[in-house]
Amino acid sequence: MSRRQKEIEIKVINDPSDENIRLVQINEQTVGTISEDDGKFEVVVGENTFHEKSEEEALHQVVREFNLHQR
């Protein structure tokens, strides 16, 4: 059984109201935020909060959560 692959467009933009927060948009819809504090990254997707060691891991977490909720 093969998995169906779907392309998504991901953008990370600065939040105009708070310079410490970056908005993560997938397919032009904001799905989460990433903020940094002392080299640690906090990810918020919906009501869930995650803590990651790098911005790259934080972005991957947003995409994982997005994919989970698309099923």
PDB file of N, CA and C in Angstrom:
ATOM      1  N   MET A   1       0.850  -1.174   0.000  1.00  0.00           N
ATOM      2  CA  MET A   1       0.000   0.000   0.000  1.00  0.00           C
ATOM      3  C   MET A   1       0.899   1.242   0.000  1.00  0.00           C
ATOM      4  N   SER A   2       0.667   2.130  -0.910  1.00  0.00           N
ATOM      5  CA  SER A   2       1.493   3.331  -0.970  1.00  0.00           C
ATOM      6  C   SER A   2       0.777   4.502  -0.315  1.00  0.00           C
ATOM      7  N   ARG A   3       1.575   5.375   0.205  1.00  0.00           N
ATOM      8  CA  ARG A   3       1.009   6.589   0.815  1.00  0.00           C
ATOM      9  C   ARG A   3       0.836   7.647  -0.258  1.00  0.00           C
ATOM     10  N   ARG A   4      -0.225   8.355  -0.155  1.00  0.00           N
ATOM     11  CA  ARG A   4      -0.445   9.475  -1.072  1.00  0.00           C
ATOM     12  C   ARG A   4       0.362  10.657  -0.583  1.00  0.00           C
ATOM     13  N   GLN A   5       1.139  11.238  -1.467  1.00  0.00           N
ATOM     14  CA  GLN A   5       1.929  12.400  -1.088  1.00  0.00           C
ATOM     15  C   GLN A   5       1.221  13.665  -1.535  1.00  0.00           C
ATOM     16  N   LYS A   6       1.338  14.664  -0.684  1.00  0.00           N
ATOM     17  CA  LYS A   6       0.692  15.936  -0.962  1.00  0.00           C
ATOM     18  C   LYS A   6       1.705  17.040  -0.684  1.00  0.00           C
ATOM     19  N   GLU A   7       1.834  17.956  -1.605  1.00  0.00           N
ATOM     20  CA  GLU A   7       2.737  19.076  -1.389  1.00  0.00           C
ATOM     21  C   GLU A   7       2.032  20.164  -0.605  1.00  0.00           C
ATOM     22  N   ILE A   8       2.786  20.756   0.333  1.00  0.00           N
ATOM     23  CA  ILE A   8       2.255  21.875   1.097  1.00  0.00           C
ATOM     24  C   ILE A   8       3.239  23.031   0.991  1.00  0.00           C
ATOM     25  N   GLU A   9       2.714  24.218   1.075  1.00  0.00           N
ATOM     26  CA  GLU A   9       3.550  25.421   1.031  1.00  0.00           C
ATOM     27  C   GLU A   9       3.670  25.948   2.458  1.00  0.00           C
ATOM     28  N   ILE A  10       4.912  26.050   2.927  1.00  0.00           N
ATOM     29  CA  ILE A  10       5.170  26.506   4.296  1.00  0.00           C
ATOM     30  C   ILE A  10       5.868  27.863   4.252  1.00  0.00           C
ATOM     31  N   LYS A  11       5.342  28.802   5.042  1.00  0.00           N
ATOM     32  CA  LYS A  11       5.963  30.123   5.185  1.00  0.00           C
ATOM     33  C   LYS A  11       6.124  30.411   6.671  1.00  0.00           C
ATOM     34  N   VAL A  12       7.241  31.017   7.017  1.00  0.00           N
ATOM     35  CA  VAL A  12       7.464  31.472   8.385  1.00  0.00           C
ATOM     36  C   VAL A  12       7.644  32.978   8.309  1.00  0.00           C
ATOM     37  N   ILE A  13       6.737  33.705   8.962  1.00  0.00           N
ATOM     38  CA  ILE A  13       6.792  35.168   8.906  1.00  0.00           C
ATOM     39  C   ILE A  13       6.798  35.729  10.325  1.00  0.00           C
ATOM     40  N   ASN A  14       7.340  36.921  10.453  1.00  0.00           N
ATOM     41  CA  ASN A  14       7.349  37.582  11.756  1.00  0.00           C
ATOM     42  C   ASN A  14       5.956  38.075  12.109  1.00  0.00           C
ATOM     43  N   ASP A  15       5.593  37.904  13.367  1.00  0.00           N
ATOM     44  CA  ASP A  15       4.304  38.392  13.863  1.00  0.00           C
ATOM     45  C   ASP A  15       4.394  39.912  13.964  1.00  0.00           C
ATOM     46  N   PRO A  16       3.516  40.644  13.289  1.00  0.00           N
ATOM     47  CA  PRO A  16       3.601  42.106  13.323  1.00  0.00           C
ATOM     48  C   PRO A  16       3.354  42.688  14.714  1.00  0.00           C
ATOM     49  N   SER A  17       2.683  41.957  15.587  1.00  0.00           N
ATOM     50  CA  SER A  17       2.392  42.499  16.915  1.00  0.00           C
ATOM     51  C   SER A  17       3.433  42.114  17.968  1.00  0.00           C
ATOM     52  N   ASP A  18       4.325  41.153  17.671  1.00  0.00           N
ATOM     53  CA  ASP A  18       5.337  40.726  18.638  1.00  0.00           C
ATOM     54  C   ASP A  18       6.565  40.231  17.884  1.00  0.00           C
ATOM     55  N   GLU A  19       7.671  40.943  18.003  1.00  0.00           N
ATOM     56  CA  GLU A  19       8.870  40.612  17.233  1.00  0.00           C
ATOM     57  C   GLU A  19       9.520  39.294  17.660  1.00  0.00           C
ATOM     58  N   ASN A  20       9.162  38.731  18.810  1.00  0.00           N
ATOM     59  CA  ASN A  20       9.738  37.475  19.283  1.00  0.00           C
ATOM     60  C   ASN A  20       8.967  36.246  18.806  1.00  0.00           C
ATOM     61  N   ILE A  21       7.876  36.448  18.098  1.00  0.00           N
ATOM     62  CA  ILE A  21       7.041  35.336  17.641  1.00  0.00           C
ATOM     63  C   ILE A  21       7.045  35.277  16.122  1.00  0.00           C
ATOM     64  N   ARG A  22       7.205  34.051  15.610  1.00  0.00           N
ATOM     65  CA  ARG A  22       7.107  33.825  14.170  1.00  0.00           C
ATOM     66  C   ARG A  22       5.865  32.971  13.906  1.00  0.00           C
ATOM     67  N   LEU A  23       5.100  33.392  12.928  1.00  0.00           N
ATOM     68  CA  LEU A  23       3.887  32.672  12.536  1.00  0.00           C
ATOM     69  C   LEU A  23       4.245  31.642  11.474  1.00  0.00           C
ATOM     70  N   VAL A  24       3.731  30.428  11.627  1.00  0.00           N
ATOM     71  CA  VAL A  24       3.959  29.384  10.635  1.00  0.00           C
ATOM     72  C   VAL A  24       2.671  29.222   9.847  1.00  0.00           C
ATOM     73  N   GLN A  25       2.776  29.451   8.539  1.00  0.00           N
ATOM     74  CA  GLN A  25       1.615  29.337   7.654  1.00  0.00           C
ATOM     75  C   GLN A  25       1.806  28.145   6.733  1.00  0.00           C
ATOM     76  N   ILE A  26       0.769  27.342   6.615  1.00  0.00           N
ATOM     77  CA  ILE A  26       0.761  26.227   5.678  1.00  0.00           C
ATOM     78  C   ILE A  26      -0.410  26.452   4.747  1.00  0.00           C
ATOM     79  N   ASN A  27      -0.092  26.472   3.469  1.00  0.00           N
ATOM     80  CA  ASN A  27      -1.108  26.747   2.433  1.00  0.00           C
ATOM     81  C   ASN A  27      -1.878  28.034   2.746  1.00  0.00           C
ATOM     82  N   GLU A  28      -1.138  29.068   3.125  1.00  0.00           N
ATOM     83  CA  GLU A  28      -1.637  30.420   3.396  1.00  0.00           C
ATOM     84  C   GLU A  28      -2.563  30.514   4.605  1.00  0.00           C
ATOM     85  N   GLN A  29      -2.528  29.516   5.488  1.00  0.00           N
ATOM     86  CA  GLN A  29      -3.321  29.546   6.715  1.00  0.00           C
ATOM     87  C   GLN A  29      -2.360  29.427   7.906  1.00  0.00           C
ATOM     88  N   THR A  30      -2.476  30.324   8.875  1.00  0.00           N
ATOM     89  CA  THR A  30      -1.616  30.256  10.053  1.00  0.00           C
ATOM     90  C   THR A  30      -2.043  29.074  10.907  1.00  0.00           C
ATOM     91  N   VAL A  31      -1.093  28.149  11.133  1.00  0.00           N
ATOM     92  CA  VAL A  31      -1.415  26.932  11.885  1.00  0.00           C
ATOM     93  C   VAL A  31      -0.679  26.849  13.214  1.00  0.00           C
ATOM     94  N   GLY A  32       0.338  27.694  13.418  1.00  0.00           N
ATOM     95  CA  GLY A  32       1.080  27.649  14.668  1.00  0.00           C
ATOM     96  C   GLY A  32       2.039  28.810  14.799  1.00  0.00           C
ATOM     97  N   THR A  33       2.669  28.877  15.976  1.00  0.00           N
ATOM     98  CA  THR A  33       3.661  29.917  16.225  1.00  0.00           C
ATOM     99  C   THR A  33       4.919  29.289  16.806  1.00  0.00           C
ATOM    100  N   ILE A  34       6.034  29.978  16.590  1.00  0.00           N
ATOM    101  CA  ILE A  34       7.316  29.581  17.167  1.00  0.00           C
ATOM    102  C   ILE A  34       7.897  30.817  17.838  1.00  0.00           C
ATOM    103  N   SER A  35       8.310  30.656  19.095  1.00  0.00           N
ATOM    104  CA  SER A  35       8.995  31.748  19.781  1.00  0.00           C
ATOM    105  C   SER A  35      10.262  31.198  20.417  1.00  0.00           C
ATOM    106  N   GLU A  36      11.257  32.071  20.588  1.00  0.00           N
ATOM    107  CA  GLU A  36      12.545  31.657  21.138  1.00  0.00           C
ATOM    108  C   GLU A  36      12.790  32.359  22.462  1.00  0.00           C
ATOM    109  N   ASP A  37      13.306  31.589  23.422  1.00  0.00           N
ATOM    110  CA  ASP A  37      13.686  32.145  24.714  1.00  0.00           C
ATOM    111  C   ASP A  37      14.919  31.406  25.197  1.00  0.00           C
ATOM    112  N   ASP A  38      16.031  32.117  25.313  1.00  0.00           N
ATOM    113  CA  ASP A  38      17.306  31.541  25.772  1.00  0.00           C
ATOM    114  C   ASP A  38      17.724  30.314  24.970  1.00  0.00           C
ATOM    115  N   GLY A  39      17.577  30.374  23.655  1.00  0.00           N
ATOM    116  CA  GLY A  39      18.023  29.281  22.800  1.00  0.00           C
ATOM    117  C   GLY A  39      17.095  28.093  22.754  1.00  0.00           C
ATOM    118  N   LYS A  40      15.945  28.180  23.409  1.00  0.00           N
ATOM    119  CA  LYS A  40      14.946  27.113  23.356  1.00  0.00           C
ATOM    120  C   LYS A  40      13.736  27.649  22.609  1.00  0.00           C
ATOM    121  N   PHE A  41      13.087  26.767  21.886  1.00  0.00           N
ATOM    122  CA  PHE A  41      11.990  27.183  21.025  1.00  0.00           C
ATOM    123  C   PHE A  41      10.677  26.603  21.517  1.00  0.00           C
ATOM    124  N   GLU A  42       9.694  27.476  21.671  1.00  0.00           N
ATOM    125  CA  GLU A  42       8.361  27.057  22.088  1.00  0.00           C
ATOM    126  C   GLU A  42       7.459  27.058  20.864  1.00  0.00           C
ATOM    127  N   VAL A  43       6.775  25.943  20.664  1.00  0.00           N
ATOM    128  CA  VAL A  43       5.876  25.774  19.536  1.00  0.00           C
ATOM    129  C   VAL A  43       4.454  25.702  20.075  1.00  0.00           C
ATOM    130  N   VAL A  44       3.561  26.492  19.489  1.00  0.00           N
ATOM    131  CA  VAL A  44       2.154  26.427  19.875  1.00  0.00           C
ATOM    132  C   VAL A  44       1.349  26.126  18.613  1.00  0.00           C
ATOM    133  N   VAL A  45       0.617  25.011  18.673  1.00  0.00           N
ATOM    134  CA  VAL A  45      -0.277  24.611  17.583  1.00  0.00           C
ATOM    135  C   VAL A  45      -1.620  24.313  18.223  1.00  0.00           C
ATOM    136  N   GLY A  46      -2.597  25.155  17.949  1.00  0.00           N
ATOM    137  CA  GLY A  46      -3.902  25.002  18.595  1.00  0.00           C
ATOM    138  C   GLY A  46      -3.742  25.168  20.098  1.00  0.00           C
ATOM    139  N   GLU A  47      -4.201  24.175  20.858  1.00  0.00           N
ATOM    140  CA  GLU A  47      -4.078  24.221  22.309  1.00  0.00           C
ATOM    141  C   GLU A  47      -2.836  23.489  22.811  1.00  0.00           C
ATOM    142  N   ASN A  48      -2.036  22.941  21.899  1.00  0.00           N
ATOM    143  CA  ASN A  48      -0.853  22.165  22.274  1.00  0.00           C
ATOM    144  C   ASN A  48       0.401  23.029  22.258  1.00  0.00           C
ATOM    145  N   THR A  49       1.254  22.824  23.269  1.00  0.00           N
ATOM    146  CA  THR A  49       2.532  23.533  23.358  1.00  0.00           C
ATOM    147  C   THR A  49       3.653  22.506  23.421  1.00  0.00           C
ATOM    148  N   PHE A  50       4.708  22.733  22.647  1.00  0.00           N
ATOM    149  CA  PHE A  50       5.860  21.847  22.584  1.00  0.00           C
ATOM    150  C   PHE A  50       7.126  22.674  22.794  1.00  0.00           C
ATOM    151  N   HIS A  51       8.176  22.030  23.273  1.00  0.00           N
ATOM    152  CA  HIS A  51       9.463  22.695  23.460  1.00  0.00           C
ATOM    153  C   HIS A  51      10.514  21.940  22.661  1.00  0.00           C
ATOM    154  N   GLU A  52      11.232  22.661  21.835  1.00  0.00           N
ATOM    155  CA  GLU A  52      12.239  22.065  20.959  1.00  0.00           C
ATOM    156  C   GLU A  52      13.580  22.753  21.154  1.00  0.00           C
ATOM    157  N   LYS A  53      14.655  22.089  20.704  1.00  0.00           N
ATOM    158  CA  LYS A  53      16.017  22.604  20.894  1.00  0.00           C
ATOM    159  C   LYS A  53      16.488  23.499  19.755  1.00  0.00           C
ATOM    160  N   SER A  54      15.815  23.426  18.601  1.00  0.00           N
ATOM    161  CA  SER A  54      16.230  24.266  17.469  1.00  0.00           C
ATOM    162  C   SER A  54      15.002  24.740  16.708  1.00  0.00           C
ATOM    163  N   GLU A  55      15.202  25.774  15.913  1.00  0.00           N
ATOM    164  CA  GLU A  55      14.086  26.293  15.120  1.00  0.00           C
ATOM    165  C   GLU A  55      13.660  25.267  14.065  1.00  0.00           C
ATOM    166  N   GLU A  56      14.621  24.532  13.549  1.00  0.00           N
ATOM    167  CA  GLU A  56      14.304  23.502  12.555  1.00  0.00           C
ATOM    168  C   GLU A  56      13.411  22.411  13.164  1.00  0.00           C
ATOM    169  N   GLU A  57      13.748  21.951  14.378  1.00  0.00           N
ATOM    170  CA  GLU A  57      12.920  20.951  15.050  1.00  0.00           C
ATOM    171  C   GLU A  57      11.533  21.518  15.364  1.00  0.00           C
ATOM    172  N   ALA A  58      11.490  22.797  15.713  1.00  0.00           N
ATOM    173  CA  ALA A  58      10.207  23.441  16.007  1.00  0.00           C
ATOM    174  C   ALA A  58       9.325  23.467  14.760  1.00  0.00           C
ATOM    175  N   LEU A  59       9.906  23.792  13.634  1.00  0.00           N
ATOM    176  CA  LEU A  59       9.152  23.819  12.380  1.00  0.00           C
ATOM    177  C   LEU A  59       8.659  22.421  12.018  1.00  0.00           C
ATOM    178  N   HIS A  60       9.502  21.423  12.214  1.00  0.00           N
ATOM    179  CA  HIS A  60       9.092  20.042  11.949  1.00  0.00           C
ATOM    180  C   HIS A  60       7.912  19.645  12.845  1.00  0.00           C
ATOM    181  N   GLN A  61       7.911  20.111  14.082  1.00  0.00           N
ATOM    182  CA  GLN A  61       6.820  19.796  15.003  1.00  0.00           C
ATOM    183  C   GLN A  61       5.509  20.399  14.520  1.00  0.00           C
ATOM    184  N   VAL A  62       5.559  21.622  14.020  1.00  0.00           N
ATOM    185  CA  VAL A  62       4.344  22.256  13.478  1.00  0.00           C
ATOM    186  C   VAL A  62       3.808  21.428  12.309  1.00  0.00           C
ATOM    187  N   VAL A  63       4.691  20.993  11.427  1.00  0.00           N
ATOM    188  CA  VAL A  63       4.260  20.211  10.266  1.00  0.00           C
ATOM    189  C   VAL A  63       3.687  18.866  10.714  1.00  0.00           C
ATOM    190  N   ARG A  64       4.312  18.213  11.694  1.00  0.00           N
ATOM    191  CA  ARG A  64       3.784  16.942  12.209  1.00  0.00           C
ATOM    192  C   ARG A  64       2.364  17.121  12.752  1.00  0.00           C
ATOM    193  N   GLU A  65       2.175  18.169  13.543  1.00  0.00           N
ATOM    194  CA  GLU A  65       0.841  18.416  14.102  1.00  0.00           C
ATOM    195  C   GLU A  65      -0.171  18.725  13.005  1.00  0.00           C
ATOM    196  N   PHE A  66       0.237  19.496  12.012  1.00  0.00           N
ATOM    197  CA  PHE A  66      -0.633  19.803  10.889  1.00  0.00           C
ATOM    198  C   PHE A  66      -1.053  18.510  10.185  1.00  0.00           C
ATOM    199  N   ASN A  67      -0.084  17.635   9.934  1.00  0.00           N
ATOM    200  CA  ASN A  67      -0.376  16.372   9.241  1.00  0.00           C
ATOM    201  C   ASN A  67      -1.310  15.491  10.068  1.00  0.00           C
ATOM    202  N   LEU A  68      -1.121  15.443  11.373  1.00  0.00           N
ATOM    203  CA  LEU A  68      -1.985  14.630  12.229  1.00  0.00           C
ATOM    204  C   LEU A  68      -3.447  15.070  12.144  1.00  0.00           C
ATOM    205  N   HIS A  69      -3.654  16.360  12.049  1.00  0.00           N
ATOM    206  CA  HIS A  69      -5.017  16.884  12.050  1.00  0.00           C
ATOM    207  C   HIS A  69      -5.648  16.892  10.657  1.00  0.00           C
ATOM    208  N   GLN A  70      -4.898  16.501   9.653  1.00  0.00           N
ATOM    209  CA  GLN A  70      -5.440  16.439   8.289  1.00  0.00           C
ATOM    210  C   GLN A  70      -6.072  15.092   7.994  1.00  0.00           C
ATOM    211  N   ARG A  71      -5.887  14.125   8.855  1.00  0.00           N
ATOM    212  CA  ARG A  71      -6.407  12.768   8.614  1.00  0.00           C
ATOM    213  C   ARG A  71      -7.857  12.677   8.952  1.00  0.00           C
TER     214      ARG A  71
END
